[in-house]
Amino acid sequence: MTGNSDGVRGFTAEGIEGWRAWDEGRVRIGPAVGKEDGGPLSAYYARFDRGATAALPAPWEEVWVVLAGSLILRTPDRTVTAGPGDLLHVPADSPGELRAEEDTTLACVSVPAH
C-alpha cells in the first residue's frame, strides 16, 4: 500500500497483509479497504487456484475485475466466462458458483462496506 497526506491510497496484491484462506488454501482473500475505513465500500484481492470454486450469493453488490487467469461464473440464468481485463457485475444475493479455470486473481469492490 502507498498513500499520502490527502488520504489517497494505492494497493498491490503483494503489499496486502492479512490474507484469509479457505478451501485448504485454494481460495484467498486479501483485504485492502473495509468497513473500518469508514467509507461506503470494501475493496479486496481474491486469488483462486486452478479448479477452486466459491459459492454465491454474497449479501452485497460486487464488481470484479479479472487481473490474471480465467474463471467461469454460473448462475441459474447464464454462464459467463471471464479473462484478464474483463469486468463482472455480481448483484447482491445472486445465486451461483465461480470456478477458476486456471490460477486466477481478481480485484473486487463491494457495496456496502463489510
Protein backbone atom coordinates (compact mmCIF):
# COMPACT_ATOMS: atom_id res chain seq x y z
CA MET A 1 0.00 0.00 0.00
CA THR A 2 1.14 3.54 -0.70
CA GLY A 3 -0.51 6.76 0.42
CA ASN A 4 -0.19 10.48 1.03
CA SER A 5 -1.49 13.08 3.47
CA ASP A 6 -4.59 13.71 1.30
CA GLY A 7 -5.91 10.24 2.06
CA VAL A 8 -5.36 8.80 -1.41
CA ARG A 9 -4.04 5.24 -1.20
CA GLY A 10 -2.78 2.72 -3.70
CA PHE A 11 -2.62 -1.05 -3.28
CA THR A 12 -0.86 -4.04 -4.80
CA ALA A 13 -1.70 -7.65 -4.14
CA GLU A 14 1.87 -8.23 -2.94
CA GLY A 15 1.54 -5.42 -0.37
CA ILE A 16 -1.63 -6.76 1.25
CA GLU A 17 -1.30 -8.19 4.74
CA GLY A 18 -3.84 -10.38 6.49
CA TRP A 19 -4.80 -12.69 3.62
CA ARG A 20 -7.56 -15.10 4.65
CA ALA A 21 -7.74 -18.59 3.16
CA TRP A 22 -10.29 -21.36 2.88
CA ASP A 23 -10.84 -24.49 0.77
CA GLU A 24 -7.50 -25.84 2.03
CA GLY A 25 -5.77 -22.61 0.96
CA ARG A 26 -7.03 -22.79 -2.66
CA VAL A 27 -9.07 -19.58 -2.23
CA ARG A 28 -7.53 -16.49 -0.64
CA ILE A 29 -8.91 -13.02 0.06
CA GLY A 30 -6.61 -10.04 0.68
CA PRO A 31 -8.50 -7.06 2.16
CA ALA A 32 -7.47 -3.55 1.09
CA VAL A 33 -10.38 -1.26 2.10
CA GLY A 34 -13.00 -2.28 4.63
CA LYS A 35 -15.85 -1.12 6.79
CA GLU A 36 -13.34 0.04 9.41
CA ASP A 37 -12.12 2.69 6.94
CA GLY A 38 -15.48 4.45 7.27
CA GLY A 39 -16.43 4.52 3.61
CA PRO A 40 -19.37 3.07 1.69
CA LEU A 41 -17.45 0.22 0.05
CA SER A 42 -14.91 -2.56 0.50
CA ALA A 43 -12.09 -3.47 -1.88
CA TYR A 44 -10.01 -6.62 -1.86
CA TYR A 45 -7.99 -9.02 -3.96
CA ALA A 46 -9.11 -12.61 -4.45
CA ARG A 47 -6.90 -15.47 -5.60
CA PHE A 48 -8.22 -18.82 -6.76
CA ASP A 49 -6.07 -21.83 -7.57
CA ARG A 50 -6.96 -23.67 -10.78
CA GLY A 51 -10.11 -25.72 -10.19
CA ALA A 52 -11.10 -23.90 -6.99
CA THR A 53 -14.75 -22.98 -6.58
CA ALA A 54 -16.68 -20.49 -4.49
CA ALA A 55 -20.43 -20.41 -3.98
CA LEU A 56 -22.55 -17.31 -4.32
CA PRO A 57 -24.50 -15.44 -3.01
CA ALA A 58 -22.77 -12.66 -1.22
CA PRO A 59 -25.03 -10.29 0.72
CA TRP A 60 -23.52 -7.26 -1.03
CA GLU A 61 -23.24 -6.00 -4.59
CA GLU A 62 -19.84 -6.58 -6.18
CA VAL A 63 -17.78 -5.68 -9.23
CA TRP A 64 -14.89 -8.00 -10.08
CA VAL A 65 -12.02 -7.27 -12.45
CA VAL A 66 -10.04 -10.28 -13.64
CA LEU A 67 -6.36 -9.37 -13.40
CA ALA A 68 -4.91 -12.75 -14.37
CA GLY A 69 -6.24 -16.19 -15.21
CA SER A 70 -9.79 -17.10 -16.16
CA LEU A 71 -12.99 -18.14 -14.47
CA ILE A 72 -16.48 -19.36 -15.21
CA LEU A 73 -19.39 -17.87 -13.27
CA ARG A 74 -22.54 -19.99 -13.40
CA THR A 75 -25.93 -18.74 -12.26
CA PRO A 76 -29.37 -20.29 -12.81
CA ASP A 77 -29.87 -17.91 -15.77
CA ARG A 78 -26.48 -17.87 -17.51
CA THR A 79 -22.84 -18.87 -17.69
CA VAL A 80 -20.20 -16.16 -18.05
CA THR A 81 -16.54 -16.80 -18.87
CA ALA A 82 -14.10 -14.02 -17.96
CA GLY A 83 -10.38 -13.48 -18.50
CA PRO A 84 -7.77 -10.76 -17.96
CA GLY A 85 -9.25 -7.27 -18.22
CA ASP A 86 -12.86 -8.47 -18.04
CA LEU A 87 -15.24 -6.94 -15.54
CA LEU A 88 -18.12 -8.79 -13.87
CA HIS A 89 -21.07 -7.23 -12.04
CA VAL A 90 -22.50 -9.56 -9.38
CA PRO A 91 -25.72 -8.22 -7.78
CA ALA A 92 -26.31 -8.84 -4.08
CA ASP A 93 -27.71 -12.25 -3.22
CA SER A 94 -27.08 -13.64 -6.73
CA PRO A 95 -27.17 -17.44 -6.67
CA GLY A 96 -24.44 -19.30 -8.47
CA GLU A 97 -20.88 -20.57 -8.38
CA LEU A 98 -17.47 -19.37 -9.56
CA ARG A 99 -14.88 -21.84 -10.85
CA ALA A 100 -11.28 -20.89 -11.65
CA GLU A 101 -10.23 -22.43 -14.96
CA GLU A 102 -6.61 -21.58 -14.16
CA ASP A 103 -4.84 -19.74 -11.33
CA THR A 104 -6.86 -16.52 -11.18
CA THR A 105 -6.51 -13.15 -9.46
CA LEU A 106 -9.41 -10.69 -9.12
CA ALA A 107 -9.69 -7.13 -7.84
CA CYS A 108 -13.08 -6.75 -6.18
CA VAL A 109 -15.19 -3.85 -4.94
CA SER A 110 -18.28 -4.41 -2.76
CA VAL A 111 -21.12 -2.18 -1.62
CA PRO A 112 -21.95 -1.78 1.20
CA ALA A 113 -18.67 -1.98 3.06
CA HIS A 114 -18.09 -5.16 5.06
